[in-house]
Amino acid sequence: MPANYTKPFIGLLIIFLVAASPTALAKKSDRNQAMDISAGKQEGSLDDSSPTILSGGVVIDQGTLHAEASRAEIRARGGDISQVVLTGSPAKMSQQMDDGSRMNAVANKIDYNVSTDTVVFTGKVNIKQPRGTLSGERVVYNMTTGQVTSGGEGNGRVNMRIMPRTAAPADKKKAAGEAETE
């Protein structure tokens, strides 16, 4: 796979991390790792005239980054990637962060527009990492401005949980509370 395929997937990773926690950083060394892609089928042209379609259980690994989708559509313009669309039931992505914790994200569709540096997650979006979660039907992230817009479609709602930095695990809090009452 050409090196210019790396940028869209790293961009997707950054989106997940920023949406879940503004202070979380992806494993920086992953950007310098080879990208391995496996799929049941690939079809497309060697020029920009049609997208490259990967299907049949698409799996992408680059360092600690791991993505799975039923289908990936990659469009190019002028020889460079212009758009990557991952779809599945759901499409999944996971990566280790520099602090050693793990980020996991799922959505029915992940559409990354390289030209506008915008990622749109749609359909049962759920982004989790140790500091919190973000879920809803639609999340839009502008990588240039850092703006995150999320909302439900129809009567859907956005749900977020942000854990305090100083929170102890629940079992330690419970044990501390029991010790004080004895």
N, C-alpha and C. Protein backbone atom coordinates (compact mmCIF):
# COMPACT_ATOMS: atom_id res chain seq x y z
N MET A 1 0.85 -1.18 0.00
CA MET A 1 0.00 0.00 0.00
C MET A 1 0.90 1.24 0.00
N PRO A 2 0.66 2.24 -0.88
CA PRO A 2 1.49 3.43 -0.94
C PRO A 2 1.46 4.21 0.37
N ALA A 3 2.55 4.95 0.63
CA ALA A 3 2.68 5.71 1.88
C ALA A 3 1.58 6.75 2.04
N ASN A 4 1.02 7.28 0.92
CA ASN A 4 0.01 8.33 1.04
C ASN A 4 -1.32 7.79 1.57
N TYR A 5 -1.47 6.48 1.80
CA TYR A 5 -2.66 5.92 2.43
C TYR A 5 -2.60 6.10 3.94
N THR A 6 -1.43 6.40 4.50
CA THR A 6 -1.26 6.51 5.94
C THR A 6 -1.98 7.73 6.50
N LYS A 7 -1.92 8.88 5.85
CA LYS A 7 -2.48 10.12 6.38
C LYS A 7 -3.96 10.01 6.76
N PRO A 8 -4.82 9.44 5.90
CA PRO A 8 -6.24 9.38 6.28
C PRO A 8 -6.49 8.58 7.54
N PHE A 9 -5.81 7.48 7.73
CA PHE A 9 -6.07 6.66 8.90
C PHE A 9 -5.53 7.30 10.16
N ILE A 10 -4.38 7.96 10.09
CA ILE A 10 -3.87 8.69 11.24
C ILE A 10 -4.84 9.83 11.56
N GLY A 11 -5.38 10.47 10.52
CA GLY A 11 -6.36 11.54 10.73
C GLY A 11 -7.59 11.03 11.45
N LEU A 12 -8.07 9.85 11.07
CA LEU A 12 -9.22 9.26 11.75
C LEU A 12 -8.90 9.00 13.21
N LEU A 13 -7.72 8.51 13.46
CA LEU A 13 -7.31 8.23 14.83
C LEU A 13 -7.32 9.51 15.66
N ILE A 14 -6.77 10.58 15.12
CA ILE A 14 -6.73 11.85 15.83
C ILE A 14 -8.14 12.31 16.16
N ILE A 15 -9.06 12.13 15.22
CA ILE A 15 -10.45 12.50 15.43
C ILE A 15 -11.02 11.78 16.64
N PHE A 16 -10.85 10.49 16.69
CA PHE A 16 -11.38 9.71 17.80
C PHE A 16 -10.83 10.20 19.12
N LEU A 17 -9.56 10.46 19.15
CA LEU A 17 -8.93 10.86 20.40
C LEU A 17 -9.39 12.23 20.86
N VAL A 18 -9.47 13.17 19.93
CA VAL A 18 -9.90 14.52 20.31
C VAL A 18 -11.35 14.52 20.73
N ALA A 19 -12.19 13.77 20.04
CA ALA A 19 -13.60 13.72 20.40
C ALA A 19 -13.80 13.13 21.79
N ALA A 20 -13.00 12.16 22.13
CA ALA A 20 -13.17 11.49 23.43
C ALA A 20 -12.50 12.25 24.56
N SER A 21 -11.39 12.89 24.30
CA SER A 21 -10.67 13.62 25.34
C SER A 21 -9.68 14.58 24.72
N PRO A 22 -9.83 15.88 24.97
CA PRO A 22 -8.94 16.83 24.34
C PRO A 22 -7.48 16.68 24.77
N THR A 23 -7.21 15.99 25.87
CA THR A 23 -5.83 15.86 26.31
C THR A 23 -5.21 14.53 25.94
N ALA A 24 -5.95 13.63 25.34
CA ALA A 24 -5.42 12.33 24.98
C ALA A 24 -4.60 12.42 23.71
N LEU A 25 -3.46 11.74 23.67
CA LEU A 25 -2.62 11.74 22.49
C LEU A 25 -2.41 10.33 22.00
N ALA A 26 -2.56 10.16 20.69
CA ALA A 26 -2.33 8.85 20.08
C ALA A 26 -0.87 8.48 20.19
N LYS A 27 -0.61 7.21 20.13
CA LYS A 27 0.77 6.72 20.17
C LYS A 27 1.50 7.32 18.98
N LYS A 28 2.38 8.27 19.24
CA LYS A 28 3.05 9.01 18.17
C LYS A 28 3.88 8.12 17.28
N SER A 29 4.45 7.08 17.83
CA SER A 29 5.31 6.20 17.04
C SER A 29 4.52 5.43 15.97
N ASP A 30 3.20 5.31 16.11
CA ASP A 30 2.39 4.60 15.12
C ASP A 30 2.49 5.23 13.74
N ARG A 31 2.65 6.53 13.67
CA ARG A 31 2.70 7.23 12.39
C ARG A 31 3.87 6.77 11.53
N ASN A 32 4.92 6.27 12.17
CA ASN A 32 6.12 5.85 11.45
C ASN A 32 6.15 4.35 11.19
N GLN A 33 5.07 3.65 11.49
CA GLN A 33 5.00 2.21 11.29
C GLN A 33 4.38 1.88 9.93
N ALA A 34 4.72 0.71 9.44
CA ALA A 34 4.11 0.23 8.19
C ALA A 34 2.62 -0.01 8.43
N MET A 35 1.81 0.20 7.39
CA MET A 35 0.39 -0.07 7.49
C MET A 35 0.10 -1.38 6.77
N ASP A 36 -0.55 -2.30 7.46
CA ASP A 36 -0.94 -3.58 6.88
C ASP A 36 -2.45 -3.59 6.69
N ILE A 37 -2.89 -3.91 5.47
CA ILE A 37 -4.31 -3.94 5.15
C ILE A 37 -4.64 -5.32 4.61
N SER A 38 -5.73 -5.88 5.13
CA SER A 38 -6.20 -7.19 4.68
C SER A 38 -7.68 -7.06 4.35
N ALA A 39 -8.08 -7.64 3.23
CA ALA A 39 -9.49 -7.61 2.83
C ALA A 39 -9.77 -8.83 1.97
N GLY A 40 -11.02 -9.23 1.92
CA GLY A 40 -11.41 -10.35 1.08
C GLY A 40 -11.35 -10.02 -0.39
N LYS A 41 -11.53 -8.72 -0.71
CA LYS A 41 -11.57 -8.31 -2.11
C LYS A 41 -11.14 -6.86 -2.22
N GLN A 42 -10.46 -6.54 -3.32
CA GLN A 42 -10.08 -5.16 -3.64
C GLN A 42 -10.38 -4.95 -5.10
N GLU A 43 -10.99 -3.81 -5.41
CA GLU A 43 -11.18 -3.46 -6.81
C GLU A 43 -11.08 -1.95 -6.97
N GLY A 44 -10.53 -1.55 -8.10
CA GLY A 44 -10.35 -0.13 -8.39
C GLY A 44 -9.35 0.03 -9.51
N SER A 45 -9.18 1.26 -9.95
CA SER A 45 -8.24 1.54 -11.04
C SER A 45 -6.93 2.06 -10.47
N LEU A 46 -5.91 2.11 -11.32
CA LEU A 46 -4.61 2.62 -10.90
C LEU A 46 -4.52 4.14 -11.00
N ASP A 47 -5.59 4.78 -11.44
CA ASP A 47 -5.62 6.24 -11.50
C ASP A 47 -6.76 6.77 -10.63
N ASP A 48 -7.05 8.05 -10.74
CA ASP A 48 -8.07 8.68 -9.90
C ASP A 48 -9.48 8.55 -10.47
N SER A 49 -9.67 7.77 -11.55
CA SER A 49 -10.97 7.74 -12.22
C SER A 49 -12.06 7.04 -11.41
N SER A 50 -11.70 6.15 -10.50
CA SER A 50 -12.70 5.49 -9.67
C SER A 50 -12.10 5.17 -8.31
N PRO A 51 -12.95 5.03 -7.30
CA PRO A 51 -12.42 4.74 -5.96
C PRO A 51 -11.89 3.31 -5.86
N THR A 52 -11.00 3.11 -4.91
CA THR A 52 -10.56 1.76 -4.56
C THR A 52 -11.53 1.25 -3.52
N ILE A 53 -12.11 0.09 -3.75
CA ILE A 53 -13.08 -0.50 -2.83
C ILE A 53 -12.46 -1.75 -2.21
N LEU A 54 -12.43 -1.78 -0.90
CA LEU A 54 -11.99 -2.95 -0.16
C LEU A 54 -13.22 -3.52 0.53
N SER A 55 -13.39 -4.84 0.49
CA SER A 55 -14.56 -5.45 1.12
C SER A 55 -14.20 -6.84 1.63
N GLY A 56 -15.17 -7.47 2.25
CA GLY A 56 -14.97 -8.82 2.75
C GLY A 56 -14.14 -8.86 4.02
N GLY A 57 -14.49 -8.04 4.98
CA GLY A 57 -13.77 -8.04 6.26
C GLY A 57 -12.47 -7.28 6.18
N VAL A 58 -12.54 -5.98 6.06
CA VAL A 58 -11.36 -5.12 5.96
C VAL A 58 -10.73 -4.98 7.35
N VAL A 59 -9.43 -5.24 7.44
CA VAL A 59 -8.67 -5.09 8.68
C VAL A 59 -7.45 -4.24 8.38
N ILE A 60 -7.26 -3.18 9.18
CA ILE A 60 -6.13 -2.27 8.99
C ILE A 60 -5.37 -2.20 10.30
N ASP A 61 -4.06 -2.43 10.25
CA ASP A 61 -3.20 -2.33 11.42
C ASP A 61 -2.01 -1.44 11.09
N GLN A 62 -1.70 -0.52 12.01
CA GLN A 62 -0.52 0.33 11.89
C GLN A 62 -0.04 0.62 13.31
N GLY A 63 1.02 -0.04 13.72
CA GLY A 63 1.47 0.08 15.11
C GLY A 63 0.38 -0.42 16.03
N THR A 64 -0.06 0.41 16.97
CA THR A 64 -1.12 0.02 17.89
C THR A 64 -2.52 0.35 17.35
N LEU A 65 -2.59 1.00 16.19
CA LEU A 65 -3.87 1.31 15.55
C LEU A 65 -4.45 0.06 14.92
N HIS A 66 -5.71 -0.24 15.20
CA HIS A 66 -6.40 -1.39 14.63
C HIS A 66 -7.79 -0.93 14.20
N ALA A 67 -8.13 -1.16 12.93
CA ALA A 67 -9.46 -0.79 12.42
C ALA A 67 -10.07 -1.99 11.70
N GLU A 68 -11.38 -2.15 11.84
CA GLU A 68 -12.12 -3.21 11.16
C GLU A 68 -13.38 -2.60 10.56
N ALA A 69 -13.67 -2.99 9.33
CA ALA A 69 -14.87 -2.52 8.66
C ALA A 69 -15.32 -3.57 7.66
N SER A 70 -16.59 -3.57 7.34
CA SER A 70 -17.09 -4.46 6.30
C SER A 70 -16.59 -4.01 4.94
N ARG A 71 -16.44 -2.66 4.82
CA ARG A 71 -16.09 -2.08 3.52
C ARG A 71 -15.31 -0.79 3.73
N ALA A 72 -14.35 -0.56 2.87
CA ALA A 72 -13.61 0.71 2.87
C ALA A 72 -13.59 1.23 1.45
N GLU A 73 -13.90 2.51 1.28
CA GLU A 73 -13.87 3.15 -0.04
C GLU A 73 -12.85 4.28 0.05
N ILE A 74 -11.86 4.22 -0.82
CA ILE A 74 -10.78 5.21 -0.80
C ILE A 74 -10.79 5.95 -2.14
N ARG A 75 -10.96 7.27 -2.07
CA ARG A 75 -10.97 8.10 -3.28
C ARG A 75 -9.69 8.93 -3.32
N ALA A 76 -9.17 9.11 -4.52
CA ALA A 76 -7.96 9.90 -4.71
C ALA A 76 -8.22 11.02 -5.72
N ARG A 77 -7.46 12.10 -5.57
CA ARG A 77 -7.53 13.23 -6.49
C ARG A 77 -6.09 13.70 -6.69
N GLY A 78 -5.63 13.72 -7.92
CA GLY A 78 -4.26 14.14 -8.20
C GLY A 78 -3.22 13.21 -7.60
N GLY A 79 -3.58 11.95 -7.42
CA GLY A 79 -2.64 10.98 -6.86
C GLY A 79 -2.60 10.92 -5.35
N ASP A 80 -3.30 11.83 -4.68
CA ASP A 80 -3.35 11.86 -3.21
C ASP A 80 -4.73 11.45 -2.73
N ILE A 81 -4.79 10.86 -1.57
CA ILE A 81 -6.06 10.45 -0.96
C ILE A 81 -6.90 11.70 -0.71
N SER A 82 -8.18 11.67 -1.12
CA SER A 82 -9.07 12.80 -0.86
C SER A 82 -10.19 12.43 0.11
N GLN A 83 -10.55 11.14 0.17
CA GLN A 83 -11.64 10.72 1.06
C GLN A 83 -11.51 9.24 1.38
N VAL A 84 -11.80 8.90 2.64
CA VAL A 84 -11.84 7.51 3.08
C VAL A 84 -13.17 7.31 3.80
N VAL A 85 -13.92 6.29 3.39
CA VAL A 85 -15.20 5.99 4.03
C VAL A 85 -15.15 4.53 4.49
N LEU A 86 -15.28 4.34 5.80
CA LEU A 86 -15.34 3.00 6.39
C LEU A 86 -16.79 2.74 6.78
N THR A 87 -17.31 1.58 6.40
CA THR A 87 -18.68 1.23 6.79
C THR A 87 -18.68 -0.19 7.36
N GLY A 88 -19.64 -0.42 8.23
CA GLY A 88 -19.76 -1.73 8.83
C GLY A 88 -20.95 -1.78 9.75
N SER A 89 -21.06 -2.86 10.43
CA SER A 89 -22.15 -3.01 11.39
C SER A 89 -21.61 -3.40 12.75
N PRO A 90 -20.83 -2.61 13.38
CA PRO A 90 -20.31 -1.29 12.97
C PRO A 90 -18.88 -1.37 12.45
N ALA A 91 -18.35 -0.21 12.00
CA ALA A 91 -16.92 -0.05 11.73
C ALA A 91 -16.27 0.20 13.09
N LYS A 92 -15.10 -0.37 13.33
CA LYS A 92 -14.46 -0.27 14.64
C LYS A 92 -13.04 0.24 14.49
N MET A 93 -12.59 0.99 15.50
CA MET A 93 -11.21 1.46 15.52
C MET A 93 -10.73 1.49 16.96
N SER A 94 -9.48 1.11 17.16
CA SER A 94 -8.89 1.07 18.49
C SER A 94 -7.43 1.49 18.37
N GLN A 95 -6.91 2.18 19.38
CA GLN A 95 -5.49 2.54 19.40
C GLN A 95 -5.03 2.80 20.82
N GLN A 96 -3.79 2.45 21.06
CA GLN A 96 -3.17 2.76 22.35
C GLN A 96 -2.71 4.21 22.31
N MET A 97 -2.88 4.90 23.43
CA MET A 97 -2.44 6.28 23.54
C MET A 97 -1.06 6.32 24.17
N ASP A 98 -0.40 7.47 24.08
CA ASP A 98 0.95 7.60 24.63
C ASP A 98 1.01 7.28 26.12
N ASP A 99 -0.08 7.50 26.85
CA ASP A 99 -0.07 7.21 28.29
C ASP A 99 -0.31 5.73 28.59
N GLY A 100 -0.46 4.90 27.54
CA GLY A 100 -0.66 3.47 27.72
C GLY A 100 -2.11 3.03 27.75
N SER A 101 -3.05 3.96 27.90
CA SER A 101 -4.47 3.60 27.92
C SER A 101 -4.93 3.34 26.48
N ARG A 102 -6.11 2.80 26.35
CA ARG A 102 -6.65 2.43 25.05
C ARG A 102 -7.90 3.23 24.72
N MET A 103 -8.05 3.62 23.46
CA MET A 103 -9.23 4.31 22.96
C MET A 103 -9.93 3.36 22.00
N ASN A 104 -11.26 3.25 22.09
CA ASN A 104 -12.06 2.42 21.20
C ASN A 104 -13.21 3.25 20.64
N ALA A 105 -13.48 3.08 19.35
CA ALA A 105 -14.58 3.82 18.73
C ALA A 105 -15.31 2.92 17.75
N VAL A 106 -16.62 3.10 17.66
CA VAL A 106 -17.45 2.37 16.71
C VAL A 106 -18.48 3.33 16.11
N ALA A 107 -18.84 3.08 14.86
CA ALA A 107 -19.90 3.83 14.18
C ALA A 107 -20.29 3.00 12.96
N ASN A 108 -21.50 3.19 12.48
CA ASN A 108 -21.90 2.48 11.27
C ASN A 108 -21.15 2.99 10.05
N LYS A 109 -20.79 4.29 10.08
CA LYS A 109 -20.08 4.89 8.95
C LYS A 109 -19.10 5.95 9.48
N ILE A 110 -17.89 5.91 8.95
CA ILE A 110 -16.87 6.90 9.30
C ILE A 110 -16.39 7.49 7.97
N ASP A 111 -16.66 8.78 7.75
CA ASP A 111 -16.35 9.44 6.49
C ASP A 111 -15.33 10.55 6.74
N TYR A 112 -14.10 10.32 6.26
CA TYR A 112 -13.02 11.29 6.45
C TYR A 112 -12.75 12.00 5.13
N ASN A 113 -13.00 13.31 5.08
CA ASN A 113 -12.73 14.13 3.92
C ASN A 113 -11.37 14.79 4.14
N VAL A 114 -10.36 14.32 3.43
CA VAL A 114 -9.00 14.81 3.61
C VAL A 114 -8.90 16.28 3.18
N SER A 115 -9.61 16.65 2.11
CA SER A 115 -9.54 18.02 1.59
C SER A 115 -9.99 19.06 2.61
N THR A 116 -11.04 18.74 3.37
CA THR A 116 -11.57 19.69 4.35
C THR A 116 -11.14 19.35 5.77
N ASP A 117 -10.35 18.28 5.95
CA ASP A 117 -9.93 17.81 7.27
C ASP A 117 -11.12 17.64 8.22
N THR A 118 -12.18 17.04 7.69
CA THR A 118 -13.40 16.82 8.47
C THR A 118 -13.75 15.34 8.49
N VAL A 119 -14.13 14.84 9.66
CA VAL A 119 -14.59 13.47 9.80
C VAL A 119 -16.02 13.49 10.30
N VAL A 120 -16.87 12.71 9.65
CA VAL A 120 -18.28 12.59 10.06
C VAL A 120 -18.52 11.13 10.43
N PHE A 121 -18.88 10.92 11.70
CA PHE A 121 -19.26 9.60 12.21
C PHE A 121 -20.78 9.57 12.22
N THR A 122 -21.40 8.53 11.65
CA THR A 122 -22.86 8.44 11.69
C THR A 122 -23.29 7.02 12.04
N GLY A 123 -24.42 6.96 12.69
CA GLY A 123 -25.04 5.69 13.03
C GLY A 123 -24.45 5.01 14.24
N LYS A 124 -25.12 5.15 15.36
CA LYS A 124 -24.72 4.47 16.60
C LYS A 124 -23.26 4.72 16.95
N VAL A 125 -22.88 5.98 16.98
CA VAL A 125 -21.51 6.39 17.29
C VAL A 125 -21.25 6.19 18.78
N ASN A 126 -20.12 5.57 19.10
CA ASN A 126 -19.74 5.37 20.49
C ASN A 126 -18.22 5.43 20.57
N ILE A 127 -17.71 6.42 21.27
CA ILE A 127 -16.27 6.62 21.43
C ILE A 127 -15.96 6.50 22.91
N LYS A 128 -15.04 5.58 23.26
CA LYS A 128 -14.72 5.33 24.67
C LYS A 128 -13.21 5.39 24.89
N GLN A 129 -12.84 5.94 26.01
CA GLN A 129 -11.47 5.87 26.51
C GLN A 129 -11.54 6.10 28.01
N PRO A 130 -10.48 5.83 28.75
CA PRO A 130 -10.59 5.87 30.21
C PRO A 130 -11.14 7.17 30.80
N ARG A 131 -10.91 8.30 30.17
CA ARG A 131 -11.39 9.57 30.72
C ARG A 131 -12.83 9.88 30.39
N GLY A 132 -13.47 9.07 29.51
CA GLY A 132 -14.86 9.36 29.23
C GLY A 132 -15.38 8.72 27.96
N THR A 133 -16.65 9.05 27.67
CA THR A 133 -17.32 8.50 26.50
C THR A 133 -18.11 9.59 25.78
N LEU A 134 -18.36 9.37 24.50
CA LEU A 134 -19.21 10.25 23.69
C LEU A 134 -20.02 9.32 22.79
N SER A 135 -21.34 9.46 22.81
CA SER A 135 -22.17 8.64 21.94
C SER A 135 -23.33 9.46 21.38
N GLY A 136 -23.83 9.02 20.25
CA GLY A 136 -24.94 9.69 19.59
C GLY A 136 -25.11 9.12 18.20
N GLU A 137 -25.92 9.76 17.39
CA GLU A 137 -26.15 9.30 16.03
C GLU A 137 -25.24 9.97 15.02
N ARG A 138 -24.68 11.15 15.38
CA ARG A 138 -23.83 11.86 14.42
C ARG A 138 -22.83 12.72 15.18
N VAL A 139 -21.56 12.57 14.82
CA VAL A 139 -20.49 13.39 15.40
C VAL A 139 -19.66 13.90 14.23
N VAL A 140 -19.45 15.22 14.17
CA VAL A 140 -18.64 15.84 13.13
C VAL A 140 -17.45 16.49 13.81
N TYR A 141 -16.26 16.21 13.30
CA TYR A 141 -15.05 16.80 13.86
C TYR A 141 -14.25 17.46 12.76
N ASN A 142 -13.93 18.75 12.95
CA ASN A 142 -13.09 19.50 12.04
C ASN A 142 -11.68 19.49 12.60
N MET A 143 -10.77 18.80 11.94
CA MET A 143 -9.41 18.66 12.43
C MET A 143 -8.64 19.98 12.40
N THR A 144 -8.99 20.88 11.49
CA THR A 144 -8.30 22.16 11.39
C THR A 144 -8.65 23.08 12.55
N THR A 145 -9.94 23.18 12.86
CA THR A 145 -10.38 24.12 13.90
C THR A 145 -10.51 23.47 15.27
N GLY A 146 -10.60 22.13 15.32
CA GLY A 146 -10.82 21.43 16.58
C GLY A 146 -12.28 21.41 17.00
N GLN A 147 -13.16 21.95 16.18
CA GLN A 147 -14.59 22.01 16.49
C GLN A 147 -15.23 20.63 16.41
N VAL A 148 -15.96 20.24 17.46
CA VAL A 148 -16.72 18.99 17.48
C VAL A 148 -18.19 19.37 17.58
N THR A 149 -19.00 18.84 16.67
CA THR A 149 -20.43 19.06 16.70
C THR A 149 -21.09 17.68 16.71
N SER A 150 -21.97 17.48 17.68
CA SER A 150 -22.63 16.18 17.74
C SER A 150 -24.11 16.38 18.02
N GLY A 151 -24.89 15.44 17.54
CA GLY A 151 -26.32 15.53 17.75
C GLY A 151 -26.99 14.27 17.29
N GLY A 152 -28.18 14.10 17.77
CA GLY A 152 -28.95 12.93 17.36
C GLY A 152 -29.76 13.27 16.14
N GLU A 153 -30.06 12.27 15.36
CA GLU A 153 -30.96 12.46 14.23
C GLU A 153 -32.36 12.16 14.73
N GLY A 154 -33.34 12.93 14.31
CA GLY A 154 -34.70 12.75 14.80
C GLY A 154 -34.76 13.11 16.27
N ASN A 155 -35.20 12.19 17.11
CA ASN A 155 -35.29 12.43 18.54
C ASN A 155 -34.05 11.96 19.29
N GLY A 156 -32.98 11.63 18.57
CA GLY A 156 -31.76 11.14 19.21
C GLY A 156 -31.11 12.19 20.10
N ARG A 157 -30.25 11.74 20.97
CA ARG A 157 -29.57 12.62 21.91
C ARG A 157 -28.08 12.34 21.86
N VAL A 158 -27.29 13.29 22.31
CA VAL A 158 -25.86 13.12 22.50
C VAL A 158 -25.65 12.78 23.97
N ASN A 159 -24.83 11.82 24.23
CA ASN A 159 -24.54 11.43 25.61
C ASN A 159 -23.03 11.47 25.83
N MET A 160 -22.63 12.12 26.91
CA MET A 160 -21.22 12.21 27.25
C MET A 160 -21.03 11.86 28.72
N ARG A 161 -19.92 11.26 29.02
CA ARG A 161 -19.52 11.04 30.41
C ARG A 161 -18.05 11.40 30.48
N ILE A 162 -17.72 12.34 31.35
CA ILE A 162 -16.34 12.78 31.53
C ILE A 162 -15.94 12.44 32.96
N MET A 163 -14.93 11.61 33.09
CA MET A 163 -14.47 11.18 34.39
C MET A 163 -13.50 12.21 34.96
N PRO A 164 -13.58 12.49 36.26
CA PRO A 164 -12.63 13.43 36.86
C PRO A 164 -11.23 12.84 36.84
N ARG A 165 -10.23 13.68 36.72
CA ARG A 165 -8.84 13.22 36.69
C ARG A 165 -8.45 12.53 37.99
N THR A 166 -8.97 12.99 39.10
CA THR A 166 -8.56 12.48 40.41
C THR A 166 -9.43 11.35 40.93
N ALA A 167 -10.37 10.88 40.13
CA ALA A 167 -11.29 9.83 40.60
C ALA A 167 -10.55 8.53 40.81
N ALA A 168 -10.82 7.92 41.95
CA ALA A 168 -10.26 6.59 42.23
C ALA A 168 -11.20 5.55 41.65
N PRO A 169 -10.71 4.38 41.30
CA PRO A 169 -11.61 3.32 40.83
C PRO A 169 -12.71 3.06 41.87
N ALA A 170 -13.88 2.65 41.40
CA ALA A 170 -15.04 2.46 42.27
C ALA A 170 -14.77 1.51 43.42
N ASP A 171 -14.01 0.43 43.17
CA ASP A 171 -13.77 -0.53 44.25
C ASP A 171 -12.90 0.09 45.35
N LYS A 172 -11.97 1.00 45.02
CA LYS A 172 -11.16 1.65 46.05
C LYS A 172 -11.99 2.63 46.86
N LYS A 173 -12.91 3.36 46.18
CA LYS A 173 -13.79 4.29 46.89
C LYS A 173 -14.67 3.54 47.86
N LYS A 174 -15.21 2.41 47.43
CA LYS A 174 -16.10 1.62 48.28
C LYS A 174 -15.34 1.11 49.50
N ALA A 175 -14.13 0.59 49.27
CA ALA A 175 -13.32 0.09 50.37
C ALA A 175 -12.97 1.20 51.34
N ALA A 176 -12.67 2.39 50.85
CA ALA A 176 -12.34 3.51 51.72
C ALA A 176 -13.56 3.92 52.54
N GLY A 177 -14.74 3.92 51.91
CA GLY A 177 -15.98 4.27 52.61
C GLY A 177 -16.33 3.26 53.69
N GLU A 178 -16.11 1.99 53.44
CA GLU A 178 -16.38 0.95 54.44
C GLU A 178 -15.44 1.07 55.62
N ALA A 179 -14.18 1.42 55.35
CA ALA A 179 -13.20 1.53 56.43
C ALA A 179 -13.53 2.68 57.36
N GLU A 180 -14.05 3.79 56.81
CA GLU A 180 -14.38 4.94 57.62
C GLU A 180 -15.58 4.69 58.53
N THR A 181 -16.50 3.84 58.12
CA THR A 181 -17.72 3.64 58.91
C THR A 181 -17.55 2.56 59.97
N GLU A 182 -16.46 1.80 59.91
CA GLU A 182 -16.28 0.72 60.90
C GLU A 182 -15.77 1.23 62.20
